[in-house]
PDB file of N, CA and C in Angstrom:
ATOM      1  N   SER A   1     137.525 111.814  91.556  1.00  0.00           N
ATOM      2  CA  SER A   1     138.653 111.883  92.461  1.00  0.00           C
ATOM      3  C   SER A   1     139.493 113.131  92.228  1.00  0.00           C
ATOM      4  N   ILE A   2     139.750 113.425  90.983  1.00  0.00           N
ATOM      5  CA  ILE A   2     140.584 114.588  90.677  1.00  0.00           C
ATOM      6  C   ILE A   2     139.897 115.869  91.138  1.00  0.00           C
ATOM      7  N   LYS A   3     138.613 115.933  90.913  1.00  0.00           N
ATOM      8  CA  LYS A   3     137.858 117.133  91.267  1.00  0.00           C
ATOM      9  C   LYS A   3     137.903 117.436  92.756  1.00  0.00           C
ATOM     10  N   TYR A   4     137.967 116.401  93.578  1.00  0.00           N
ATOM     11  CA  TYR A   4     137.922 116.588  95.025  1.00  0.00           C
ATOM     12  C   TYR A   4     139.288 116.433  95.699  1.00  0.00           C
ATOM     13  N   SER A   5     140.346 116.475  94.929  1.00  0.00           N
ATOM     14  CA  SER A   5     141.702 116.386  95.472  1.00  0.00           C
ATOM     15  C   SER A   5     142.402 117.726  95.303  1.00  0.00           C
ATOM     16  N   SER A   6     143.309 118.014  96.201  1.00  0.00           N
ATOM     17  CA  SER A   6     144.060 119.263  96.055  1.00  0.00           C
ATOM     18  C   SER A   6     145.012 119.151  94.880  1.00  0.00           C
ATOM     19  N   ARG A   7     145.458 120.260  94.371  1.00  0.00           N
ATOM     20  CA  ARG A   7     146.333 120.269  93.201  1.00  0.00           C
ATOM     21  C   ARG A   7     147.651 119.548  93.445  1.00  0.00           C
ATOM     22  N   LYS A   8     148.112 119.513  94.678  1.00  0.00           N
ATOM     23  CA  LYS A   8     149.398 118.900  94.992  1.00  0.00           C
ATOM     24  C   LYS A   8     149.297 117.399  95.263  1.00  0.00           C
ATOM     25  N   SER A   9     148.101 116.881  95.435  1.00  0.00           N
ATOM     26  CA  SER A   9     147.965 115.450  95.733  1.00  0.00           C
ATOM     27  C   SER A   9     147.889 114.649  94.435  1.00  0.00           C
ATOM     28  N   THR A  10     148.024 113.350  94.562  1.00  0.00           N
ATOM     29  CA  THR A  10     147.987 112.479  93.392  1.00  0.00           C
ATOM     30  C   THR A  10     146.714 111.641  93.390  1.00  0.00           C
ATOM     31  N   VAL A  11     146.334 111.214  92.209  1.00  0.00           N
ATOM     32  CA  VAL A  11     145.260 110.252  92.023  1.00  0.00           C
ATOM     33  C   VAL A  11     145.884 109.080  91.278  1.00  0.00           C
ATOM     34  N   ASP A  12     145.843 107.908  91.874  1.00  0.00           N
ATOM     35  CA  ASP A  12     146.451 106.717  91.289  1.00  0.00           C
ATOM     36  C   ASP A  12     145.379 105.893  90.600  1.00  0.00           C
ATOM     37  N   ILE A  13     145.641 105.510  89.345  1.00  0.00           N
ATOM     38  CA  ILE A  13     144.719 104.673  88.582  1.00  0.00           C
ATOM     39  C   ILE A  13     145.450 103.389  88.231  1.00  0.00           C
ATOM     40  N   THR A  14     144.860 102.269  88.604  1.00  0.00           N
ATOM     41  CA  THR A  14     145.459 100.955  88.362  1.00  0.00           C
ATOM     42  C   THR A  14     144.508 100.126  87.518  1.00  0.00           C
ATOM     43  N   LEU A  15     145.041  99.482  86.510  1.00  0.00           N
ATOM     44  CA  LEU A  15     144.270  98.595  85.649  1.00  0.00           C
ATOM     45  C   LEU A  15     144.768  97.172  85.889  1.00  0.00           C
ATOM     46  N   ARG A  16     143.876  96.298  86.315  1.00  0.00           N
ATOM     47  CA  ARG A  16     144.257  94.911  86.571  1.00  0.00           C
ATOM     48  C   ARG A  16     143.454  93.993  85.671  1.00  0.00           C
ATOM     49  N   SER A  17     144.144  93.069  85.048  1.00  0.00           N
ATOM     50  CA  SER A  17     143.449  92.083  84.223  1.00  0.00           C
ATOM     51  C   SER A  17     143.144  90.862  85.080  1.00  0.00           C
ATOM     52  N   PRO A  18     142.098  90.141  84.737  1.00  0.00           N
ATOM     53  CA  PRO A  18     141.737  88.960  85.533  1.00  0.00           C
ATOM     54  C   PRO A  18     142.735  87.830  85.277  1.00  0.00           C
ATOM     55  N   PRO A  19     142.782  86.859  86.187  1.00  0.00           N
ATOM     56  CA  PRO A  19     143.652  85.702  85.969  1.00  0.00           C
ATOM     57  C   PRO A  19     143.197  84.916  84.742  1.00  0.00           C
ATOM     58  N   PRO A  20     144.118  84.205  84.099  1.00  0.00           N
ATOM     59  CA  PRO A  20     143.730  83.377  82.936  1.00  0.00           C
ATOM     60  C   PRO A  20     142.605  82.411  83.301  1.00  0.00           C
ATOM     61  N   ASN A  21     141.755  82.132  82.353  1.00  0.00           N
ATOM     62  CA  ASN A  21     140.617  81.212  82.507  1.00  0.00           C
ATOM     63  C   ASN A  21     139.605  81.688  83.545  1.00  0.00           C
ATOM     64  N   SER A  22     139.617  82.964  83.852  1.00  0.00           N
ATOM     65  CA  SER A  22     138.664  83.530  84.793  1.00  0.00           C
ATOM     66  C   SER A  22     137.527  84.188  84.022  1.00  0.00           C
ATOM     67  N   HIS A  23     136.365  84.221  84.625  1.00  0.00           N
ATOM     68  CA  HIS A  23     135.223  84.894  84.007  1.00  0.00           C
ATOM     69  C   HIS A  23     135.131  86.342  84.457  1.00  0.00           C
ATOM     70  N   ASP A  24     136.090  86.766  85.259  1.00  0.00           N
ATOM     71  CA  ASP A  24     136.110  88.148  85.720  1.00  0.00           C
ATOM     72  C   ASP A  24     136.466  89.078  84.572  1.00  0.00           C
ATOM     73  N   ARG A  25     136.196  90.335  84.790  1.00  0.00           N
ATOM     74  CA  ARG A  25     136.498  91.361  83.800  1.00  0.00           C
ATOM     75  C   ARG A  25     137.656  92.211  84.286  1.00  0.00           C
ATOM     76  N   ILE A  26     138.043  93.144  83.486  1.00  0.00           N
ATOM     77  CA  ILE A  26     139.106  94.071  83.868  1.00  0.00           C
ATOM     78  C   ILE A  26     138.669  94.876  85.084  1.00  0.00           C
ATOM     79  N   ILE A  27     139.592  95.138  85.975  1.00  0.00           N
ATOM     80  CA  ILE A  27     139.310  95.941  87.165  1.00  0.00           C
ATOM     81  C   ILE A  27     140.095  97.238  87.065  1.00  0.00           C
ATOM     82  N   ILE A  28     139.397  98.339  87.209  1.00  0.00           N
ATOM     83  CA  ILE A  28     140.024  99.662  87.220  1.00  0.00           C
ATOM     84  C   ILE A  28     139.866 100.208  88.627  1.00  0.00           C
ATOM     85  N   GLU A  29     140.980 100.508  89.266  1.00  0.00           N
ATOM     86  CA  GLU A  29     140.947 101.053  90.620  1.00  0.00           C
ATOM     87  C   GLU A  29     141.422 102.496  90.589  1.00  0.00           C
ATOM     88  N   VAL A  30     140.716 103.343  91.309  1.00  0.00           N
ATOM     89  CA  VAL A  30     141.081 104.749  91.432  1.00  0.00           C
ATOM     90  C   VAL A  30     141.277 105.030  92.912  1.00  0.00           C
ATOM     91  N   GLN A  31     142.447 105.518  93.258  1.00  0.00           N
ATOM     92  CA  GLN A  31     142.735 105.838  94.662  1.00  0.00           C
ATOM     93  C   GLN A  31     143.217 107.277  94.731  1.00  0.00           C
ATOM     94  N   ASP A  32     142.574 108.032  95.609  1.00  0.00           N
ATOM     95  CA  ASP A  32     143.004 109.423  95.774  1.00  0.00           C
ATOM     96  C   ASP A  32     143.389 109.673  97.224  1.00  0.00           C
ATOM     97  N   HIS A  33     143.862 110.843  97.462  1.00  0.00           N
ATOM     98  CA  HIS A  33     144.271 111.250  98.801  1.00  0.00           C
ATOM     99  C   HIS A  33     143.537 112.541  99.149  1.00  0.00           C
ATOM    100  N   GLY A  34     142.259 112.573  98.765  1.00  0.00           N
ATOM    101  CA  GLY A  34     141.450 113.775  98.921  1.00  0.00           C
ATOM    102  C   GLY A  34     140.781 113.868 100.278  1.00  0.00           C
ATOM    103  N   LEU A  35     139.610 114.462 100.272  1.00  0.00           N
ATOM    104  CA  LEU A  35     138.879 114.773 101.496  1.00  0.00           C
ATOM    105  C   LEU A  35     138.418 113.561 102.277  1.00  0.00           C
ATOM    106  N   GLY A  36     138.156 112.493 101.598  1.00  0.00           N
ATOM    107  CA  GLY A  36     137.506 111.355 102.239  1.00  0.00           C
ATOM    108  C   GLY A  36     136.001 111.558 102.188  1.00  0.00           C
ATOM    109  N   ILE A  37     135.280 110.531 102.534  1.00  0.00           N
ATOM    110  CA  ILE A  37     133.818 110.602 102.496  1.00  0.00           C
ATOM    111  C   ILE A  37     133.291 110.164 103.854  1.00  0.00           C
ATOM    112  N   LYS A  38     132.552 111.033 104.472  1.00  0.00           N
ATOM    113  CA  LYS A  38     132.000 110.743 105.796  1.00  0.00           C
ATOM    114  C   LYS A  38     131.079 109.533 105.731  1.00  0.00           C
ATOM    115  N   GLN A  39     131.060 108.777 106.813  1.00  0.00           N
ATOM    116  CA  GLN A  39     130.252 107.557 106.901  1.00  0.00           C
ATOM    117  C   GLN A  39     128.793 107.813 106.502  1.00  0.00           C
ATOM    118  N   GLU A  40     128.231 108.892 106.981  1.00  0.00           N
ATOM    119  CA  GLU A  40     126.812 109.171 106.703  1.00  0.00           C
ATOM    120  C   GLU A  40     126.541 109.521 105.243  1.00  0.00           C
ATOM    121  N   ASN A  41     127.584 109.847 104.478  1.00  0.00           N
ATOM    122  CA  ASN A  41     127.409 110.187 103.062  1.00  0.00           C
ATOM    123  C   ASN A  41     127.693 109.030 102.119  1.00  0.00           C
ATOM    124  N   GLN A  42     128.286 107.967 102.593  1.00  0.00           N
ATOM    125  CA  GLN A  42     128.713 106.888 101.709  1.00  0.00           C
ATOM    126  C   GLN A  42     127.557 106.216 100.976  1.00  0.00           C
ATOM    127  N   SER A  43     126.405 106.139 101.588  1.00  0.00           N
ATOM    128  CA  SER A  43     125.256 105.499 100.931  1.00  0.00           C
ATOM    129  C   SER A  43     124.712 106.329  99.775  1.00  0.00           C
ATOM    130  N   LYS A  44     125.073 107.599  99.698  1.00  0.00           N
ATOM    131  CA  LYS A  44     124.589 108.483  98.632  1.00  0.00           C
ATOM    132  C   LYS A  44     125.464 108.459  97.382  1.00  0.00           C
ATOM    133  N   LEU A  45     126.633 107.855  97.472  1.00  0.00           N
ATOM    134  CA  LEU A  45     127.628 107.972  96.406  1.00  0.00           C
ATOM    135  C   LEU A  45     127.127 107.637  95.013  1.00  0.00           C
ATOM    136  N   PHE A  46     126.410 106.557  94.855  1.00  0.00           N
ATOM    137  CA  PHE A  46     126.007 106.108  93.523  1.00  0.00           C
ATOM    138  C   PHE A  46     124.535 106.365  93.240  1.00  0.00           C
ATOM    139  N   GLN A  47     123.902 107.210  94.035  1.00  0.00           N
ATOM    140  CA  GLN A  47     122.496 107.552  93.825  1.00  0.00           C
ATOM    141  C   GLN A  47     122.384 108.747  92.878  1.00  0.00           C
ATOM    142  N   GLU A  48     121.324 108.742  92.098  1.00  0.00           N
ATOM    143  CA  GLU A  48     121.046 109.882  91.226  1.00  0.00           C
ATOM    144  C   GLU A  48     120.808 111.120  92.095  1.00  0.00           C
ATOM    145  N   PHE A  49     121.486 112.195  91.783  1.00  0.00           N
ATOM    146  CA  PHE A  49     121.451 113.449  92.541  1.00  0.00           C
ATOM    147  C   PHE A  49     121.883 113.242  93.995  1.00  0.00           C
ATOM    148  N   GLY A  50     122.804 112.279  94.211  1.00  0.00           N
ATOM    149  CA  GLY A  50     123.300 111.977  95.553  1.00  0.00           C
ATOM    150  C   GLY A  50     124.404 112.938  95.974  1.00  0.00           C
ATOM    151  N   ARG A  51     124.164 114.185  95.821  1.00  0.00           N
ATOM    152  CA  ARG A  51     125.144 115.238  96.133  1.00  0.00           C
ATOM    153  C   ARG A  51     125.516 115.213  97.605  1.00  0.00           C
ATOM    154  N   LEU A  52     126.810 115.247  97.888  1.00  0.00           N
ATOM    155  CA  LEU A  52     127.281 115.288  99.260  1.00  0.00           C
ATOM    156  C   LEU A  52     127.340 116.739  99.701  1.00  0.00           C
ATOM    157  N   ILE A  53     126.435 117.121 100.561  1.00  0.00           N
ATOM    158  CA  ILE A  53     126.333 118.511 100.980  1.00  0.00           C
ATOM    159  C   ILE A  53     127.055 118.703 102.312  1.00  0.00           C
ATOM    160  N   ASP A  54     128.272 119.168 102.231  1.00  0.00           N
ATOM    161  CA  ASP A  54     128.996 119.611 103.420  1.00  0.00           C
ATOM    162  C   ASP A  54     130.010 120.657 102.948  1.00  0.00           C
ATOM    163  N   ALA A  55     130.511 121.426 103.854  1.00  0.00           N
ATOM    164  CA  ALA A  55     131.349 122.581 103.508  1.00  0.00           C
ATOM    165  C   ALA A  55     132.584 122.192 102.715  1.00  0.00           C
ATOM    166  N   GLU A  56     133.229 121.097 103.064  1.00  0.00           N
ATOM    167  CA  GLU A  56     134.448 120.694 102.353  1.00  0.00           C
ATOM    168  C   GLU A  56     134.166 120.337 100.905  1.00  0.00           C
ATOM    169  N   ASN A  57     133.130 119.552 100.658  1.00  0.00           N
ATOM    170  CA  ASN A  57     132.788 119.158  99.296  1.00  0.00           C
ATOM    171  C   ASN A  57     132.342 120.359  98.472  1.00  0.00           C
ATOM    172  N   LEU A  58     131.571 121.224  99.067  1.00  0.00           N
ATOM    173  CA  LEU A  58     131.106 122.409  98.345  1.00  0.00           C
ATOM    174  C   LEU A  58     132.257 123.323  97.953  1.00  0.00           C
ATOM    175  N   ALA A  59     133.298 123.393  98.771  1.00  0.00           N
ATOM    176  CA  ALA A  59     134.451 124.225  98.455  1.00  0.00           C
ATOM    177  C   ALA A  59     135.171 123.722  97.208  1.00  0.00           C
ATOM    178  N   PHE A  60     135.227 122.393  97.017  1.00  0.00           N
ATOM    179  CA  PHE A  60     135.913 121.826  95.861  1.00  0.00           C
ATOM    180  C   PHE A  60     135.046 121.817  94.611  1.00  0.00           C
ATOM    181  N   ASN A  61     133.758 121.662  94.755  1.00  0.00           N
ATOM    182  CA  ASN A  61     132.863 121.532  93.603  1.00  0.00           C
ATOM    183  C   ASN A  61     131.517 122.178  93.900  1.00  0.00           C
ATOM    184  N   PRO A  62     131.457 123.504  93.898  1.00  0.00           N
ATOM    185  CA  PRO A  62     130.215 124.192  94.278  1.00  0.00           C
ATOM    186  C   PRO A  62     129.064 124.009  93.293  1.00  0.00           C
ATOM    187  N   LYS A  63     129.346 123.636  92.046  1.00  0.00           N
ATOM    188  CA  LYS A  63     128.289 123.534  91.038  1.00  0.00           C
ATOM    189  C   LYS A  63     127.812 122.109  90.778  1.00  0.00           C
ATOM    190  N   GLY A  64     128.404 121.130  91.461  1.00  0.00           N
ATOM    191  CA  GLY A  64     128.029 119.738  91.234  1.00  0.00           C
ATOM    192  C   GLY A  64     126.587 119.466  91.611  1.00  0.00           C
ATOM    193  N   VAL A  65     125.986 118.483  90.921  1.00  0.00           N
ATOM    194  CA  VAL A  65     124.600 118.118  91.211  1.00  0.00           C
ATOM    195  C   VAL A  65     124.460 116.677  91.678  1.00  0.00           C
ATOM    196  N   GLY A  66     125.543 115.906  91.695  1.00  0.00           N
ATOM    197  CA  GLY A  66     125.475 114.529  92.175  1.00  0.00           C
ATOM    198  C   GLY A  66     125.105 113.516  91.119  1.00  0.00           C
ATOM    199  N   LEU A  67     125.573 113.716  89.898  1.00  0.00           N
ATOM    200  CA  LEU A  67     125.268 112.755  88.835  1.00  0.00           C
ATOM    201  C   LEU A  67     126.476 111.948  88.364  1.00  0.00           C
ATOM    202  N   GLY A  68     127.688 112.407  88.619  1.00  0.00           N
ATOM    203  CA  GLY A  68     128.885 111.782  88.054  1.00  0.00           C
ATOM    204  C   GLY A  68     129.029 110.300  88.343  1.00  0.00           C
ATOM    205  N   LEU A  69     129.009 109.912  89.611  1.00  0.00           N
ATOM    206  CA  LEU A  69     129.169 108.496  89.947  1.00  0.00           C
ATOM    207  C   LEU A  69     127.932 107.681  89.606  1.00  0.00           C
ATOM    208  N   TRP A  70     126.775 108.299  89.610  1.00  0.00           N
ATOM    209  CA  TRP A  70     125.551 107.607  89.198  1.00  0.00           C
ATOM    210  C   TRP A  70     125.645 107.238  87.713  1.00  0.00           C
ATOM    211  N   ILE A  71     126.140 108.168  86.892  1.00  0.00           N
ATOM    212  CA  ILE A  71     126.323 107.899  85.465  1.00  0.00           C
ATOM    213  C   ILE A  71     127.357 106.790  85.270  1.00  0.00           C
ATOM    214  N   CYS A  72     128.463 106.843  86.004  1.00  0.00           N
ATOM    215  CA  CYS A  72     129.476 105.779  85.931  1.00  0.00           C
ATOM    216  C   CYS A  72     128.859 104.424  86.249  1.00  0.00           C
ATOM    217  N   LYS A  73     128.041 104.377  87.294  1.00  0.00           N
ATOM    218  CA  LYS A  73     127.395 103.127  87.691  1.00  0.00           C
ATOM    219  C   LYS A  73     126.501 102.602  86.572  1.00  0.00           C
ATOM    220  N   LYS A  74     125.720 103.473  85.971  1.00  0.00           N
ATOM    221  CA  LYS A  74     124.812 103.061  84.896  1.00  0.00           C
ATOM    222  C   LYS A  74     125.574 102.536  83.685  1.00  0.00           C
ATOM    223  N   ILE A  75     126.679 103.190  83.327  1.00  0.00           N
ATOM    224  CA  ILE A  75     127.493 102.726  82.194  1.00  0.00           C
ATOM    225  C   ILE A  75     128.067 101.346  82.502  1.00  0.00           C
ATOM    226  N   CYS A  76     128.611 101.178  83.699  1.00  0.00           N
ATOM    227  CA  CYS A  76     129.179  99.878  84.085  1.00  0.00           C
ATOM    228  C   CYS A  76     128.122  98.784  84.062  1.00  0.00           C
ATOM    229  N   GLN A  77     126.948  99.073  84.581  1.00  0.00           N
ATOM    230  CA  GLN A  77     125.873  98.085  84.593  1.00  0.00           C
ATOM    231  C   GLN A  77     125.429  97.726  83.173  1.00  0.00           C
ATOM    232  N   ARG A  78     125.423  98.701  82.309  1.00  0.00           N
ATOM    233  CA  ARG A  78     124.974  98.481  80.917  1.00  0.00           C
ATOM    234  C   ARG A  78     125.858  97.474  80.186  1.00  0.00           C
ATOM    235  N   VAL A  79     127.141  97.437  80.559  1.00  0.00           N
ATOM    236  CA  VAL A  79     128.068  96.502  79.900  1.00  0.00           C
ATOM    237  C   VAL A  79     128.350  95.270  80.763  1.00  0.00           C
ATOM    238  N   GLY A  80     127.516  95.053  81.788  1.00  0.00           N
ATOM    239  CA  GLY A  80     127.636  93.871  82.615  1.00  0.00           C
ATOM    240  C   GLY A  80     128.639  93.972  83.748  1.00  0.00           C
ATOM    241  N   GLY A  81     129.060  95.172  84.081  1.00  0.00           N
ATOM    242  CA  GLY A  81     130.031  95.358  85.150  1.00  0.00           C
ATOM    243  C   GLY A  81     129.409  95.997  86.372  1.00  0.00           C
ATOM    244  N   GLY A  82     130.242  96.576  87.176  1.00  0.00           N
ATOM    245  CA  GLY A  82     129.773  97.223  88.394  1.00  0.00           C
ATOM    246  C   GLY A  82     130.781  98.248  88.862  1.00  0.00           C
ATOM    247  N   VAL A  83     130.397  98.986  89.871  1.00  0.00           N
ATOM    248  CA  VAL A  83     131.270  99.988  90.460  1.00  0.00           C
ATOM    249  C   VAL A  83     131.028  99.951  91.966  1.00  0.00           C
ATOM    250  N   SER A  84     132.097 100.146  92.740  1.00  0.00           N
ATOM    251  CA  SER A  84     131.951 100.094  94.188  1.00  0.00           C
ATOM    252  C   SER A  84     132.922 101.054  94.844  1.00  0.00           C
ATOM    253  N   PHE A  85     132.789 101.195  96.136  1.00  0.00           N
ATOM    254  CA  PHE A  85     133.599 102.112  96.929  1.00  0.00           C
ATOM    255  C   PHE A  85     134.054 101.383  98.182  1.00  0.00           C
ATOM    256  N   ASP A  86     135.291 101.605  98.558  1.00  0.00           N
ATOM    257  CA  ASP A  86     135.722 101.112  99.880  1.00  0.00           C
ATOM    258  C   ASP A  86     136.796 102.011 100.451  1.00  0.00           C
TER     259      ASP A  86
END
């Protein structure tokens, strides 16, 4: 999120604990006010080498290869969690 946001915008990170006696885990939410993700690119977000190739994304991160969110997904899965986008 930080990488794809302008310097003047904010990235909000919220940590929520599950309700008592719940089997849920901690929820970490990240909300930015960046470029947004086009509908046709959303399915690529958590894929290995799922680089979003468009002019706006390339301007913010020209050297990216599309591994960051894939690695996050793998780490979350390894500890029994998950990662999603909405």
